[in-house]
C-alpha atoms as a PDB file:
ATOM      1  CA  MET A   1     -12.279  52.986  78.806  1.00  0.00           C
ATOM      2  CA  ARG A   2      -9.562  55.415  78.402  1.00  0.00           C
ATOM      3  CA  ILE A   3      -5.738  54.937  77.946  1.00  0.00           C
ATOM      4  CA  GLY A   4      -4.796  54.908  81.478  1.00  0.00           C
ATOM      5  CA  GLU A   5      -7.647  52.726  82.436  1.00  0.00           C
ATOM      6  CA  ALA A   6      -6.700  50.108  79.735  1.00  0.00           C
ATOM      7  CA  ALA A   7      -3.005  50.038  80.246  1.00  0.00           C
ATOM      8  CA  ALA A   8      -3.581  49.584  84.074  1.00  0.00           C
ATOM      9  CA  ALA A   9      -5.900  46.842  83.273  1.00  0.00           C
ATOM     10  CA  ALA A  10      -3.487  45.059  81.032  1.00  0.00           C
ATOM     11  CA  GLY A  11      -0.443  45.746  83.213  1.00  0.00           C
ATOM     12  CA  MET A  12       1.464  48.119  81.210  1.00  0.00           C
ATOM     13  CA  THR A  13       2.262  51.780  80.695  1.00  0.00           C
ATOM     14  CA  THR A  14       0.254  54.080  78.511  1.00  0.00           C
ATOM     15  CA  LYS A  15       3.445  54.595  76.572  1.00  0.00           C
ATOM     16  CA  THR A  16       3.728  50.985  75.917  1.00  0.00           C
ATOM     17  CA  LEU A  17       0.088  51.126  74.805  1.00  0.00           C
ATOM     18  CA  ARG A  18       0.723  53.955  72.433  1.00  0.00           C
ATOM     19  CA  PHE A  19       3.542  52.087  70.991  1.00  0.00           C
ATOM     20  CA  TYR A  20       1.376  48.848  70.169  1.00  0.00           C
ATOM     21  CA  GLU A  21      -0.985  51.263  68.673  1.00  0.00           C
ATOM     22  CA  ASP A  22       1.454  52.864  66.319  1.00  0.00           C
ATOM     23  CA  SER A  23       3.059  49.476  65.569  1.00  0.00           C
ATOM     24  CA  GLY A  24      -0.474  48.408  64.207  1.00  0.00           C
ATOM     25  CA  LEU A  25      -0.847  45.624  66.938  1.00  0.00           C
ATOM     26  CA  LEU A  26      -3.793  47.381  68.704  1.00  0.00           C
ATOM     27  CA  PRO A  27      -6.629  49.011  66.483  1.00  0.00           C
ATOM     28  CA  THR A  28      -8.250  51.715  68.448  1.00  0.00           C
ATOM     29  CA  GLN A  29     -11.399  53.838  68.271  1.00  0.00           C
ATOM     30  CA  ARG A  30     -11.741  57.344  68.926  1.00  0.00           C
ATOM     31  CA  ALA A  31     -14.647  58.882  70.859  1.00  0.00           C
ATOM     32  CA  ALA A  32     -16.559  61.949  69.654  1.00  0.00           C
ATOM     33  CA  ASN A  33     -14.299  64.079  71.903  1.00  0.00           C
ATOM     34  CA  GLY A  34     -11.239  62.564  70.199  1.00  0.00           C
ATOM     35  CA  TYR A  35     -10.094  60.501  73.096  1.00  0.00           C
ATOM     36  CA  ARG A  36      -8.972  56.896  72.470  1.00  0.00           C
ATOM     37  CA  HIS A  37     -11.440  54.475  73.480  1.00  0.00           C
ATOM     38  CA  TYR A  38     -10.524  50.885  74.590  1.00  0.00           C
ATOM     39  CA  THR A  39     -12.795  47.722  75.327  1.00  0.00           C
ATOM     40  CA  GLN A  40     -12.330  44.512  77.173  1.00  0.00           C
ATOM     41  CA  ASP A  41     -11.321  42.997  73.669  1.00  0.00           C
ATOM     42  CA  SER A  42      -8.568  45.861  73.505  1.00  0.00           C
ATOM     43  CA  VAL A  43      -7.223  44.638  77.089  1.00  0.00           C
ATOM     44  CA  ALA A  44      -7.435  40.946  76.314  1.00  0.00           C
ATOM     45  CA  ARG A  45      -5.358  41.811  73.126  1.00  0.00           C
ATOM     46  CA  LEU A  46      -2.832  43.918  75.156  1.00  0.00           C
ATOM     47  CA  GLU A  47      -2.595  40.961  77.701  1.00  0.00           C
ATOM     48  CA  PHE A  48      -1.843  38.441  74.771  1.00  0.00           C
ATOM     49  CA  ILE A  49       0.795  40.846  73.321  1.00  0.00           C
ATOM     50  CA  ARG A  50       2.412  41.002  76.901  1.00  0.00           C
ATOM     51  CA  ARG A  51       2.211  37.209  77.143  1.00  0.00           C
ATOM     52  CA  GLY A  52       3.779  36.715  73.794  1.00  0.00           C
ATOM     53  CA  ARG A  53       6.473  39.083  74.561  1.00  0.00           C
ATOM     54  CA  ALA A  54       7.152  37.333  77.736  1.00  0.00           C
ATOM     55  CA  ALA A  55       7.368  33.988  75.808  1.00  0.00           C
ATOM     56  CA  GLY A  56      10.103  35.674  73.818  1.00  0.00           C
ATOM     57  CA  LEU A  57       8.001  36.262  70.675  1.00  0.00           C
ATOM     58  CA  ALA A  58       9.069  39.269  68.419  1.00  0.00           C
ATOM     59  CA  LEU A  59       6.498  41.821  67.652  1.00  0.00           C
ATOM     60  CA  THR A  60       6.552  40.856  63.937  1.00  0.00           C
ATOM     61  CA  GLN A  61       5.495  37.149  65.254  1.00  0.00           C
ATOM     62  CA  ILE A  62       2.919  38.568  67.534  1.00  0.00           C
ATOM     63  CA  ARG A  63       1.544  40.536  64.387  1.00  0.00           C
ATOM     64  CA  GLU A  64       1.403  37.540  62.559  1.00  0.00           C
ATOM     65  CA  ILE A  65      -0.633  35.591  65.056  1.00  0.00           C
ATOM     66  CA  LEU A  66      -3.110  38.577  65.562  1.00  0.00           C
ATOM     67  CA  SER A  67      -3.607  39.049  61.664  1.00  0.00           C
ATOM     68  CA  LEU A  68      -4.430  35.398  61.483  1.00  0.00           C
ATOM     69  CA  ARG A  69      -6.989  35.845  64.255  1.00  0.00           C
ATOM     70  CA  ASP A  70      -8.309  39.013  62.890  1.00  0.00           C
ATOM     71  CA  ALA A  71      -8.763  37.242  59.569  1.00  0.00           C
ATOM     72  CA  GLY A  72     -10.949  34.734  61.236  1.00  0.00           C
ATOM     73  CA  GLN A  73      -8.386  32.004  61.436  1.00  0.00           C
ATOM     74  CA  ALA A  74      -7.384  29.944  64.452  1.00  0.00           C
ATOM     75  CA  PRO A  75      -3.587  30.778  64.680  1.00  0.00           C
ATOM     76  CA  CYS A  76      -2.793  27.819  67.007  1.00  0.00           C
ATOM     77  CA  ALA A  77      -0.827  25.817  64.414  1.00  0.00           C
ATOM     78  CA  HIS A  78       1.204  28.722  63.595  1.00  0.00           C
ATOM     79  CA  VAL A  79       1.758  29.565  67.386  1.00  0.00           C
ATOM     80  CA  GLN A  80       2.812  25.882  67.796  1.00  0.00           C
ATOM     81  CA  ASP A  81       5.588  26.507  65.047  1.00  0.00           C
ATOM     82  CA  LEU A  82       6.679  29.761  66.429  1.00  0.00           C
ATOM     83  CA  LEU A  83       7.104  28.162  69.955  1.00  0.00           C
ATOM     84  CA  SER A  84       8.973  25.053  68.339  1.00  0.00           C
ATOM     85  CA  GLY A  85      11.315  27.557  66.754  1.00  0.00           C
ATOM     86  CA  GLN A  86      11.546  29.580  70.323  1.00  0.00           C
ATOM     87  CA  LEU A  87      12.490  26.382  72.013  1.00  0.00           C
ATOM     88  CA  ALA A  88      15.260  25.347  69.440  1.00  0.00           C
ATOM     89  CA  ALA A  89      16.704  28.980  69.809  1.00  0.00           C
ATOM     90  CA  LEU A  90      16.631  28.763  73.506  1.00  0.00           C
ATOM     91  CA  ASP A  91      18.394  25.412  73.350  1.00  0.00           C
ATOM     92  CA  ARG A  92      21.078  26.720  71.065  1.00  0.00           C
ATOM     93  CA  GLN A  93      21.641  29.600  73.517  1.00  0.00           C
ATOM     94  CA  ILE A  94      21.881  27.386  76.522  1.00  0.00           C
ATOM     95  CA  GLU A  95      24.227  25.222  74.885  1.00  0.00           C
ATOM     96  CA  GLU A  96      26.388  28.126  73.871  1.00  0.00           C
ATOM     97  CA  LEU A  97      26.185  29.643  77.221  1.00  0.00           C
ATOM     98  CA  THR A  98      27.304  26.411  78.958  1.00  0.00           C
ATOM     99  CA  ALA A  99      30.261  26.216  76.666  1.00  0.00           C
ATOM    100  CA  LEU A 100      30.923  29.847  77.204  1.00  0.00           C
ATOM    101  CA  ARG A 101      30.800  29.244  81.045  1.00  0.00           C
ATOM    102  CA  ALA A 102      33.125  26.179  80.900  1.00  0.00           C
ATOM    103  CA  SER A 103      35.702  28.157  79.084  1.00  0.00           C
ATOM    104  CA  VAL A 104      35.545  31.222  81.423  1.00  0.00           C
ATOM    105  CA  ALA A 105      35.682  28.709  84.444  1.00  0.00           C
ATOM    106  CA  GLN A 106      38.638  27.243  83.106  1.00  0.00           C
ATOM    107  CA  LEU A 107      40.608  30.724  82.536  1.00  0.00           C
ATOM    108  CA  HIS A 108      39.341  31.622  85.988  1.00  0.00           C
ATOM    109  CA  ALA A 109      40.950  28.640  87.457  1.00  0.00           C
ATOM    110  CA  THR A 110      44.098  29.183  85.487  1.00  0.00           C
ATOM    111  CA  VAL A 111      44.323  32.828  86.537  1.00  0.00           C
ATOM    112  CA  SER A 112      43.529  32.015  90.272  1.00  0.00           C
ATOM    113  CA  ALA A 113      46.402  29.231  90.335  1.00  0.00           C
ATOM    114  CA  GLY A 114      48.765  31.643  88.529  1.00  0.00           C
ATOM    115  CA  SER A 115      50.689  34.833  89.924  1.00  0.00           C
ATOM    116  CA  SER A 116      50.680  38.397  88.511  1.00  0.00           C
ATOM    117  CA  SER A 117      54.397  38.197  88.768  1.00  0.00           C
ATOM    118  CA  ASN A 118      54.433  35.492  86.050  1.00  0.00           C
ATOM    119  CA  CYS A 119      52.748  38.139  83.632  1.00  0.00           C
ATOM    120  CA  GLU A 120      54.844  38.740  80.579  1.00  0.00           C
ATOM    121  CA  PRO A 121      55.449  42.506  80.104  1.00  0.00           C
ATOM    122  CA  GLN A 122      55.165  42.486  76.317  1.00  0.00           C
ATOM    123  CA  ARG A 123      51.581  41.067  76.428  1.00  0.00           C
ATOM    124  CA  VAL A 124      48.431  42.476  77.589  1.00  0.00           C
ATOM    125  CA  CYS A 125      47.733  39.352  79.801  1.00  0.00           C
ATOM    126  CA  SER A 126      49.147  36.055  79.287  1.00  0.00           C
ATOM    127  CA  TYR A 127      46.129  34.306  80.733  1.00  0.00           C
ATOM    128  CA  ILE A 128      43.668  35.364  77.695  1.00  0.00           C
END
């Protein structure tokens, strides 16, 4: 199939597909006329890349997984390690955002209870 067909089948744009090709994530074959030729395996690989990105994996991590698979190894243990790291990072982000939200909510409550007439002219804002 041609690039437009492969991109549509994988649910992405041709620009994204070319980017993945240029990044070495998607090997391509050229037909005798010079057009790129994609197979169902190409589409499956693109779908895997899309799912990996949706899971928050970096392209370098996806490249590692694909390299293992291309070398004939099952990458499942490596994927488990990557996803464990991703979960830990997400948990840290959630904690940080929860703390930030509490801080902003407290500042908002203070500002809401105050009056702009209480602002000190020598300061940018006395609430922050």
